[in-house]
Amino acid sequence: MQLEPATFDDLDGRAVAALYAHDEHVYRAEVLRGGAAGSGGARSAVVCFVDFGNVEEVPLARIYTLPAEFRSLPAQAVRCVVSGVEPIGQEWTEDALDEMTKLLHEQLVRVNIKEIGPPLLTEILLRTPDSDNVQLHQLLVTAGHARILDSTDHSRTIEE
């Protein structure tokens, strides 16, 4: 399939096809912020790859018009939050994010939905060498990356 380069000036919020730099494949994306000068001086856009959930800066030359047959498909990534914890500081540290990535990347997990909203409030259970149903938030607390929220304080639940 031949993709056409995106030609619109206002990309914000648009469904597009974008090249993912890590594997040089094109995936469906939504433009979050478009048209700014990127890190190398070329114009770029910040996109969310809607079927995976990751956010990347992509040069405009690598953003294409999404063919019509792919626009009506629902996004496969679902935004969720881990219930009951917050980071030790104001935001998650790089170490905490690395730990979550190490624990979750390409792993089968069981997700219990505790509250439907946007986003979903979830409890994530995963398999470790010691157990089959370890709660992600408990691993983050044990590793010193998070603290447990008071059961009445759901306003500070942190997105993962």
N, C-alpha and C. Protein backbone atom coordinates (compact mmCIF):
# COMPACT_ATOMS: atom_id res chain seq x y z
N MET A 1 0.85 -1.18 0.00
CA MET A 1 0.00 0.00 0.00
C MET A 1 0.89 1.24 0.00
N GLN A 2 0.62 2.15 -0.89
CA GLN A 2 1.37 3.40 -1.00
C GLN A 2 0.70 4.45 -0.13
N LEU A 3 1.45 5.05 0.80
CA LEU A 3 0.91 6.08 1.68
C LEU A 3 1.26 7.46 1.14
N GLU A 4 0.30 8.38 1.29
CA GLU A 4 0.50 9.76 0.85
C GLU A 4 1.02 10.58 2.03
N PRO A 5 2.02 11.45 1.80
CA PRO A 5 2.49 12.32 2.89
C PRO A 5 1.35 13.21 3.40
N ALA A 6 1.31 13.45 4.70
CA ALA A 6 0.29 14.34 5.27
C ALA A 6 0.55 15.75 4.75
N THR A 7 -0.51 16.43 4.32
CA THR A 7 -0.33 17.75 3.72
C THR A 7 -1.03 18.86 4.48
N PHE A 8 -1.80 18.53 5.53
CA PHE A 8 -2.54 19.57 6.23
C PHE A 8 -1.64 20.34 7.17
N ASP A 9 -1.94 21.64 7.31
CA ASP A 9 -1.15 22.48 8.21
C ASP A 9 -1.50 22.23 9.66
N ASP A 10 -2.79 22.06 9.95
CA ASP A 10 -3.23 21.84 11.33
C ASP A 10 -3.40 20.36 11.57
N LEU A 11 -2.37 19.72 12.12
CA LEU A 11 -2.41 18.28 12.37
C LEU A 11 -3.02 17.91 13.72
N ASP A 12 -3.09 18.85 14.65
CA ASP A 12 -3.53 18.52 16.01
C ASP A 12 -4.85 17.76 16.01
N GLY A 13 -4.85 16.61 16.70
CA GLY A 13 -6.05 15.80 16.83
C GLY A 13 -6.35 14.91 15.65
N ARG A 14 -5.57 14.96 14.60
CA ARG A 14 -5.84 14.18 13.40
C ARG A 14 -5.36 12.74 13.54
N ALA A 15 -6.12 11.84 12.92
CA ALA A 15 -5.71 10.45 12.80
C ALA A 15 -4.78 10.36 11.60
N VAL A 16 -3.61 9.79 11.79
CA VAL A 16 -2.59 9.70 10.75
C VAL A 16 -1.93 8.33 10.80
N ALA A 17 -1.07 8.09 9.83
CA ALA A 17 -0.15 6.96 9.87
C ALA A 17 1.22 7.57 10.12
N ALA A 18 1.99 6.99 11.05
CA ALA A 18 3.29 7.58 11.39
C ALA A 18 4.34 6.48 11.48
N LEU A 19 5.55 6.82 11.08
CA LEU A 19 6.65 5.88 11.13
C LEU A 19 7.20 5.82 12.56
N TYR A 20 7.29 4.62 13.10
CA TYR A 20 7.86 4.39 14.43
C TYR A 20 9.36 4.15 14.24
N ALA A 21 10.18 5.02 14.77
CA ALA A 21 11.62 5.01 14.51
C ALA A 21 12.33 3.74 14.96
N HIS A 22 11.82 3.08 15.99
CA HIS A 22 12.53 1.93 16.55
C HIS A 22 12.49 0.69 15.67
N ASP A 23 11.44 0.58 14.83
CA ASP A 23 11.39 -0.58 13.94
C ASP A 23 11.14 -0.21 12.47
N GLU A 24 11.03 1.11 12.19
CA GLU A 24 10.83 1.61 10.83
C GLU A 24 9.55 1.09 10.17
N HIS A 25 8.53 0.77 10.99
CA HIS A 25 7.22 0.39 10.47
C HIS A 25 6.26 1.55 10.69
N VAL A 26 5.19 1.56 9.89
CA VAL A 26 4.18 2.61 9.99
C VAL A 26 2.99 2.08 10.77
N TYR A 27 2.49 2.89 11.72
CA TYR A 27 1.36 2.51 12.56
C TYR A 27 0.36 3.65 12.64
N ARG A 28 -0.85 3.31 13.04
CA ARG A 28 -1.88 4.34 13.25
C ARG A 28 -1.50 5.20 14.44
N ALA A 29 -1.77 6.50 14.31
CA ALA A 29 -1.43 7.44 15.38
C ALA A 29 -2.41 8.59 15.40
N GLU A 30 -2.43 9.30 16.52
CA GLU A 30 -3.18 10.55 16.66
C GLU A 30 -2.16 11.63 16.98
N VAL A 31 -2.27 12.76 16.28
CA VAL A 31 -1.35 13.86 16.53
C VAL A 31 -1.80 14.60 17.78
N LEU A 32 -0.92 14.67 18.77
CA LEU A 32 -1.21 15.39 20.01
C LEU A 32 -0.80 16.86 19.89
N ARG A 33 0.36 17.10 19.31
CA ARG A 33 0.87 18.46 19.04
C ARG A 33 1.63 18.40 17.73
N GLY A 34 1.33 19.32 16.84
CA GLY A 34 1.97 19.24 15.53
C GLY A 34 2.63 20.52 15.09
N GLY A 35 3.58 20.36 14.18
CA GLY A 35 4.15 21.47 13.47
C GLY A 35 5.30 22.20 14.12
N ALA A 36 5.75 21.80 15.29
CA ALA A 36 6.84 22.50 15.97
C ALA A 36 8.19 22.07 15.40
N ALA A 37 9.18 22.90 15.62
CA ALA A 37 10.54 22.52 15.25
C ALA A 37 11.00 21.45 16.22
N GLY A 38 11.44 20.32 15.70
CA GLY A 38 11.85 19.20 16.53
C GLY A 38 13.26 19.33 17.05
N SER A 39 13.76 18.28 17.67
CA SER A 39 15.08 18.30 18.29
C SER A 39 16.19 18.51 17.27
N GLY A 40 16.01 18.08 16.02
CA GLY A 40 17.03 18.27 15.00
C GLY A 40 16.80 19.49 14.14
N GLY A 41 15.84 20.34 14.49
CA GLY A 41 15.54 21.54 13.73
C GLY A 41 14.44 21.35 12.70
N ALA A 42 14.19 20.10 12.25
CA ALA A 42 13.12 19.83 11.29
C ALA A 42 11.77 19.89 11.99
N ARG A 43 10.74 20.22 11.24
CA ARG A 43 9.40 20.24 11.83
C ARG A 43 8.98 18.83 12.21
N SER A 44 8.30 18.73 13.34
CA SER A 44 7.88 17.42 13.84
C SER A 44 6.54 17.55 14.54
N ALA A 45 5.99 16.40 14.90
CA ALA A 45 4.73 16.35 15.65
C ALA A 45 4.88 15.32 16.76
N VAL A 46 4.18 15.53 17.85
CA VAL A 46 4.11 14.55 18.92
C VAL A 46 2.86 13.73 18.66
N VAL A 47 3.04 12.42 18.52
CA VAL A 47 1.92 11.54 18.21
C VAL A 47 1.78 10.46 19.27
N CYS A 48 0.56 9.96 19.41
CA CYS A 48 0.29 8.79 20.25
C CYS A 48 -0.05 7.65 19.30
N PHE A 49 0.72 6.57 19.36
CA PHE A 49 0.43 5.40 18.55
C PHE A 49 -0.76 4.69 19.22
N VAL A 50 -1.94 4.82 18.59
CA VAL A 50 -3.21 4.48 19.24
C VAL A 50 -3.41 2.99 19.51
N ASP A 51 -2.64 2.14 18.88
CA ASP A 51 -2.80 0.71 19.12
C ASP A 51 -1.80 0.17 20.14
N PHE A 52 -0.89 1.04 20.59
CA PHE A 52 0.12 0.63 21.56
C PHE A 52 0.17 1.54 22.77
N GLY A 53 -0.20 2.81 22.61
CA GLY A 53 -0.25 3.74 23.72
C GLY A 53 0.99 4.57 23.92
N ASN A 54 2.08 4.31 23.20
CA ASN A 54 3.29 5.09 23.41
C ASN A 54 3.21 6.41 22.66
N VAL A 55 3.91 7.40 23.19
CA VAL A 55 3.93 8.75 22.63
C VAL A 55 5.35 9.04 22.16
N GLU A 56 5.48 9.56 20.93
CA GLU A 56 6.79 9.82 20.33
C GLU A 56 6.75 11.13 19.54
N GLU A 57 7.91 11.73 19.38
CA GLU A 57 8.05 12.87 18.47
C GLU A 57 8.47 12.30 17.11
N VAL A 58 7.73 12.68 16.05
CA VAL A 58 7.96 12.12 14.72
C VAL A 58 8.14 13.29 13.73
N PRO A 59 9.19 13.25 12.90
CA PRO A 59 9.34 14.30 11.87
C PRO A 59 8.12 14.31 10.94
N LEU A 60 7.68 15.50 10.54
CA LEU A 60 6.50 15.60 9.66
C LEU A 60 6.70 14.82 8.37
N ALA A 61 7.93 14.68 7.90
CA ALA A 61 8.20 13.93 6.67
C ALA A 61 7.87 12.45 6.84
N ARG A 62 7.69 11.99 8.06
CA ARG A 62 7.39 10.58 8.33
C ARG A 62 5.95 10.37 8.83
N ILE A 63 5.10 11.38 8.57
CA ILE A 63 3.69 11.30 8.92
C ILE A 63 2.88 11.30 7.63
N TYR A 64 1.93 10.37 7.55
CA TYR A 64 1.19 10.16 6.31
C TYR A 64 -0.31 10.24 6.56
N THR A 65 -1.05 10.49 5.48
CA THR A 65 -2.51 10.46 5.55
C THR A 65 -2.94 9.03 5.84
N LEU A 66 -3.80 8.85 6.82
CA LEU A 66 -4.28 7.51 7.17
C LEU A 66 -5.36 7.09 6.17
N PRO A 67 -5.18 5.95 5.51
CA PRO A 67 -6.21 5.50 4.57
C PRO A 67 -7.57 5.35 5.27
N ALA A 68 -8.63 5.68 4.54
CA ALA A 68 -9.98 5.72 5.10
C ALA A 68 -10.38 4.41 5.79
N GLU A 69 -9.97 3.28 5.24
CA GLU A 69 -10.40 1.99 5.81
C GLU A 69 -9.84 1.75 7.21
N PHE A 70 -8.81 2.52 7.62
CA PHE A 70 -8.23 2.35 8.95
C PHE A 70 -8.71 3.39 9.96
N ARG A 71 -9.47 4.38 9.52
CA ARG A 71 -9.93 5.45 10.41
C ARG A 71 -11.05 5.02 11.35
N SER A 72 -11.87 4.07 10.94
CA SER A 72 -13.03 3.70 11.76
C SER A 72 -12.73 2.60 12.77
N LEU A 73 -11.56 2.00 12.69
CA LEU A 73 -11.20 0.95 13.65
C LEU A 73 -10.93 1.56 15.02
N PRO A 74 -11.45 0.95 16.09
CA PRO A 74 -11.18 1.51 17.42
C PRO A 74 -9.72 1.34 17.81
N ALA A 75 -9.23 2.26 18.62
CA ALA A 75 -7.87 2.17 19.15
C ALA A 75 -7.76 0.90 20.00
N GLN A 76 -6.62 0.24 19.93
CA GLN A 76 -6.41 -0.99 20.68
C GLN A 76 -5.76 -0.76 22.04
N ALA A 77 -5.12 0.38 22.23
CA ALA A 77 -4.54 0.71 23.53
C ALA A 77 -5.63 1.36 24.39
N VAL A 78 -5.65 1.02 25.66
CA VAL A 78 -6.63 1.58 26.59
C VAL A 78 -5.87 2.27 27.71
N ARG A 79 -6.16 3.54 27.94
CA ARG A 79 -5.50 4.28 29.02
C ARG A 79 -6.08 3.80 30.34
N CYS A 80 -5.20 3.47 31.26
CA CYS A 80 -5.66 3.04 32.58
C CYS A 80 -4.71 3.59 33.64
N VAL A 81 -5.12 3.51 34.87
CA VAL A 81 -4.30 3.93 35.99
C VAL A 81 -4.19 2.78 36.97
N VAL A 82 -3.10 2.77 37.71
CA VAL A 82 -2.92 1.78 38.77
C VAL A 82 -3.56 2.35 40.03
N SER A 83 -4.50 1.64 40.58
CA SER A 83 -5.22 2.16 41.74
C SER A 83 -4.42 2.03 43.02
N GLY A 84 -4.68 2.95 43.93
CA GLY A 84 -4.20 2.82 45.29
C GLY A 84 -2.80 3.29 45.60
N VAL A 85 -2.06 3.82 44.62
CA VAL A 85 -0.70 4.27 44.89
C VAL A 85 -0.42 5.61 44.22
N GLU A 86 0.63 6.25 44.73
CA GLU A 86 1.14 7.46 44.11
C GLU A 86 2.65 7.43 44.22
N PRO A 87 3.35 8.18 43.37
CA PRO A 87 4.82 8.17 43.46
C PRO A 87 5.28 8.81 44.76
N ILE A 88 6.48 8.48 45.18
CA ILE A 88 7.05 9.05 46.40
C ILE A 88 7.20 10.56 46.27
N GLY A 89 7.66 11.04 45.12
CA GLY A 89 7.80 12.48 44.88
C GLY A 89 6.57 13.02 44.14
N GLN A 90 6.77 14.13 43.44
CA GLN A 90 5.69 14.76 42.70
C GLN A 90 5.26 13.95 41.48
N GLU A 91 6.21 13.22 40.89
CA GLU A 91 5.91 12.43 39.70
C GLU A 91 6.77 11.17 39.72
N TRP A 92 6.44 10.24 38.83
CA TRP A 92 7.20 9.00 38.76
C TRP A 92 8.63 9.29 38.32
N THR A 93 9.60 8.68 38.99
CA THR A 93 11.01 8.84 38.61
C THR A 93 11.32 7.95 37.41
N GLU A 94 12.45 8.22 36.76
CA GLU A 94 12.89 7.36 35.65
C GLU A 94 13.09 5.93 36.14
N ASP A 95 13.62 5.77 37.37
CA ASP A 95 13.80 4.42 37.92
C ASP A 95 12.47 3.70 38.07
N ALA A 96 11.45 4.41 38.54
CA ALA A 96 10.13 3.80 38.71
C ALA A 96 9.53 3.41 37.36
N LEU A 97 9.66 4.28 36.38
CA LEU A 97 9.15 3.98 35.04
C LEU A 97 9.89 2.80 34.42
N ASP A 98 11.22 2.76 34.64
CA ASP A 98 12.00 1.62 34.15
C ASP A 98 11.55 0.32 34.82
N GLU A 99 11.27 0.38 36.11
CA GLU A 99 10.80 -0.80 36.84
C GLU A 99 9.46 -1.28 36.30
N MET A 100 8.52 -0.33 36.05
CA MET A 100 7.22 -0.71 35.49
C MET A 100 7.39 -1.32 34.11
N THR A 101 8.27 -0.74 33.30
CA THR A 101 8.51 -1.28 31.97
C THR A 101 9.07 -2.69 32.06
N LYS A 102 10.04 -2.88 32.93
CA LYS A 102 10.66 -4.20 33.11
C LYS A 102 9.61 -5.24 33.54
N LEU A 103 8.72 -4.84 34.43
CA LEU A 103 7.70 -5.76 34.94
C LEU A 103 6.59 -6.06 33.94
N LEU A 104 6.25 -5.09 33.09
CA LEU A 104 5.07 -5.22 32.24
C LEU A 104 5.34 -5.48 30.77
N HIS A 105 6.50 -5.08 30.27
CA HIS A 105 6.77 -5.17 28.82
C HIS A 105 6.67 -6.61 28.32
N GLU A 106 5.79 -6.81 27.35
CA GLU A 106 5.57 -8.10 26.70
C GLU A 106 5.26 -9.22 27.69
N GLN A 107 4.55 -8.87 28.76
CA GLN A 107 4.14 -9.85 29.75
C GLN A 107 2.62 -10.03 29.70
N LEU A 108 2.17 -11.22 29.97
CA LEU A 108 0.74 -11.43 30.15
C LEU A 108 0.39 -11.01 31.56
N VAL A 109 -0.60 -10.16 31.69
CA VAL A 109 -1.03 -9.69 33.00
C VAL A 109 -2.54 -9.86 33.11
N ARG A 110 -3.02 -9.90 34.31
CA ARG A 110 -4.46 -9.89 34.55
C ARG A 110 -4.81 -8.53 35.09
N VAL A 111 -5.80 -7.89 34.49
CA VAL A 111 -6.22 -6.56 34.89
C VAL A 111 -7.62 -6.64 35.46
N ASN A 112 -7.78 -6.23 36.70
CA ASN A 112 -9.10 -6.13 37.31
C ASN A 112 -9.54 -4.68 37.24
N ILE A 113 -10.68 -4.44 36.63
CA ILE A 113 -11.19 -3.08 36.51
C ILE A 113 -11.96 -2.76 37.78
N LYS A 114 -11.47 -1.74 38.49
CA LYS A 114 -12.09 -1.36 39.76
C LYS A 114 -13.11 -0.24 39.58
N GLU A 115 -12.89 0.58 38.55
CA GLU A 115 -13.81 1.70 38.30
C GLU A 115 -13.70 2.07 36.83
N ILE A 116 -14.86 2.22 36.18
CA ILE A 116 -14.87 2.62 34.78
C ILE A 116 -15.03 4.11 34.70
N GLY A 117 -14.10 4.70 33.93
CA GLY A 117 -14.20 6.13 33.84
C GLY A 117 -13.53 6.58 32.60
N PRO A 118 -13.15 7.65 32.11
CA PRO A 118 -11.80 7.66 31.61
C PRO A 118 -10.93 8.28 32.66
N PRO A 119 -9.80 7.75 32.91
CA PRO A 119 -9.31 6.44 32.48
C PRO A 119 -9.86 5.34 33.37
N LEU A 120 -9.58 4.09 32.99
CA LEU A 120 -9.98 2.96 33.82
C LEU A 120 -9.11 2.91 35.07
N LEU A 121 -9.73 2.69 36.22
CA LEU A 121 -9.01 2.51 37.47
C LEU A 121 -8.79 1.01 37.61
N THR A 122 -7.53 0.58 37.64
CA THR A 122 -7.25 -0.84 37.54
C THR A 122 -6.34 -1.36 38.65
N GLU A 123 -6.44 -2.65 38.85
CA GLU A 123 -5.50 -3.40 39.68
C GLU A 123 -4.81 -4.35 38.71
N ILE A 124 -3.51 -4.29 38.63
CA ILE A 124 -2.78 -5.12 37.67
C ILE A 124 -2.05 -6.23 38.43
N LEU A 125 -2.37 -7.47 38.05
CA LEU A 125 -1.75 -8.64 38.65
C LEU A 125 -0.81 -9.26 37.64
N LEU A 126 0.38 -9.64 38.09
CA LEU A 126 1.33 -10.24 37.17
C LEU A 126 2.03 -11.42 37.81
N ARG A 127 2.65 -12.21 36.97
CA ARG A 127 3.39 -13.40 37.42
C ARG A 127 4.84 -13.00 37.67
N THR A 128 5.36 -13.44 38.80
CA THR A 128 6.78 -13.25 39.12
C THR A 128 7.37 -14.64 39.37
N PRO A 129 8.68 -14.75 39.53
CA PRO A 129 9.25 -16.07 39.83
C PRO A 129 8.69 -16.68 41.11
N ASP A 130 8.21 -15.84 42.04
CA ASP A 130 7.73 -16.34 43.33
C ASP A 130 6.22 -16.57 43.40
N SER A 131 5.44 -15.94 42.51
CA SER A 131 3.99 -16.01 42.64
C SER A 131 3.30 -15.71 41.31
N ASP A 132 2.06 -16.16 41.18
CA ASP A 132 1.29 -15.91 39.96
C ASP A 132 0.43 -14.66 40.01
N ASN A 133 0.13 -14.13 41.16
CA ASN A 133 -0.79 -13.00 41.27
C ASN A 133 -0.24 -11.90 42.16
N VAL A 134 0.84 -11.29 41.73
CA VAL A 134 1.45 -10.21 42.48
C VAL A 134 0.86 -8.90 41.97
N GLN A 135 0.49 -8.01 42.87
CA GLN A 135 -0.07 -6.72 42.48
C GLN A 135 1.05 -5.76 42.13
N LEU A 136 0.92 -5.12 40.96
CA LEU A 136 1.94 -4.17 40.51
C LEU A 136 2.16 -3.08 41.54
N HIS A 137 1.09 -2.54 42.09
CA HIS A 137 1.27 -1.43 43.03
C HIS A 137 2.07 -1.87 44.26
N GLN A 138 1.90 -3.12 44.69
CA GLN A 138 2.65 -3.60 45.85
C GLN A 138 4.14 -3.74 45.52
N LEU A 139 4.46 -4.18 44.30
CA LEU A 139 5.87 -4.25 43.89
C LEU A 139 6.50 -2.87 43.86
N LEU A 140 5.75 -1.86 43.40
CA LEU A 140 6.28 -0.49 43.36
C LEU A 140 6.50 0.05 44.76
N VAL A 141 5.62 -0.28 45.70
CA VAL A 141 5.78 0.15 47.09
C VAL A 141 6.99 -0.54 47.71
N THR A 142 7.10 -1.85 47.51
CA THR A 142 8.22 -2.61 48.07
C THR A 142 9.56 -2.12 47.54
N ALA A 143 9.60 -1.70 46.27
CA ALA A 143 10.84 -1.21 45.67
C ALA A 143 11.14 0.24 46.05
N GLY A 144 10.23 0.87 46.79
CA GLY A 144 10.45 2.24 47.24
C GLY A 144 10.09 3.31 46.22
N HIS A 145 9.33 2.94 45.18
CA HIS A 145 8.94 3.90 44.15
C HIS A 145 7.59 4.56 44.41
N ALA A 146 6.79 3.98 45.30
CA ALA A 146 5.42 4.47 45.49
C ALA A 146 5.02 4.32 46.94
N ARG A 147 3.95 5.03 47.30
CA ARG A 147 3.35 4.86 48.62
C ARG A 147 1.88 4.56 48.42
N ILE A 148 1.31 3.82 49.35
CA ILE A 148 -0.11 3.47 49.27
C ILE A 148 -0.95 4.67 49.67
N LEU A 149 -1.97 4.93 48.88
CA LEU A 149 -2.90 6.02 49.18
C LEU A 149 -3.84 5.61 50.29
N ASP A 150 -4.28 6.57 51.06
CA ASP A 150 -5.36 6.35 52.01
C ASP A 150 -6.56 5.89 51.21
N SER A 151 -7.32 4.94 51.70
CA SER A 151 -8.44 4.36 50.94
C SER A 151 -9.50 5.40 50.57
N THR A 152 -9.51 6.54 51.22
CA THR A 152 -10.50 7.58 50.87
C THR A 152 -9.96 8.58 49.87
N ASP A 153 -8.67 8.54 49.57
CA ASP A 153 -8.04 9.52 48.69
C ASP A 153 -7.81 8.94 47.31
N HIS A 154 -8.82 9.03 46.43
CA HIS A 154 -8.67 8.54 45.07
C HIS A 154 -8.35 9.67 44.11
N SER A 155 -8.29 10.90 44.59
CA SER A 155 -8.05 12.03 43.71
C SER A 155 -6.61 12.05 43.19
N ARG A 156 -5.68 11.37 43.86
CA ARG A 156 -4.27 11.41 43.46
C ARG A 156 -3.80 10.11 42.82
N THR A 157 -4.75 9.27 42.39
CA THR A 157 -4.34 8.05 41.72
C THR A 157 -3.55 8.44 40.48
N ILE A 158 -2.44 7.79 40.27
CA ILE A 158 -1.49 8.19 39.25
C ILE A 158 -1.62 7.33 38.00
N GLU A 159 -1.59 7.97 36.84
CA GLU A 159 -1.66 7.23 35.59
C GLU A 159 -0.36 6.50 35.36
N GLU A 160 -0.49 5.33 34.73
CA GLU A 160 0.69 4.55 34.40
C GLU A 160 0.83 4.55 32.91
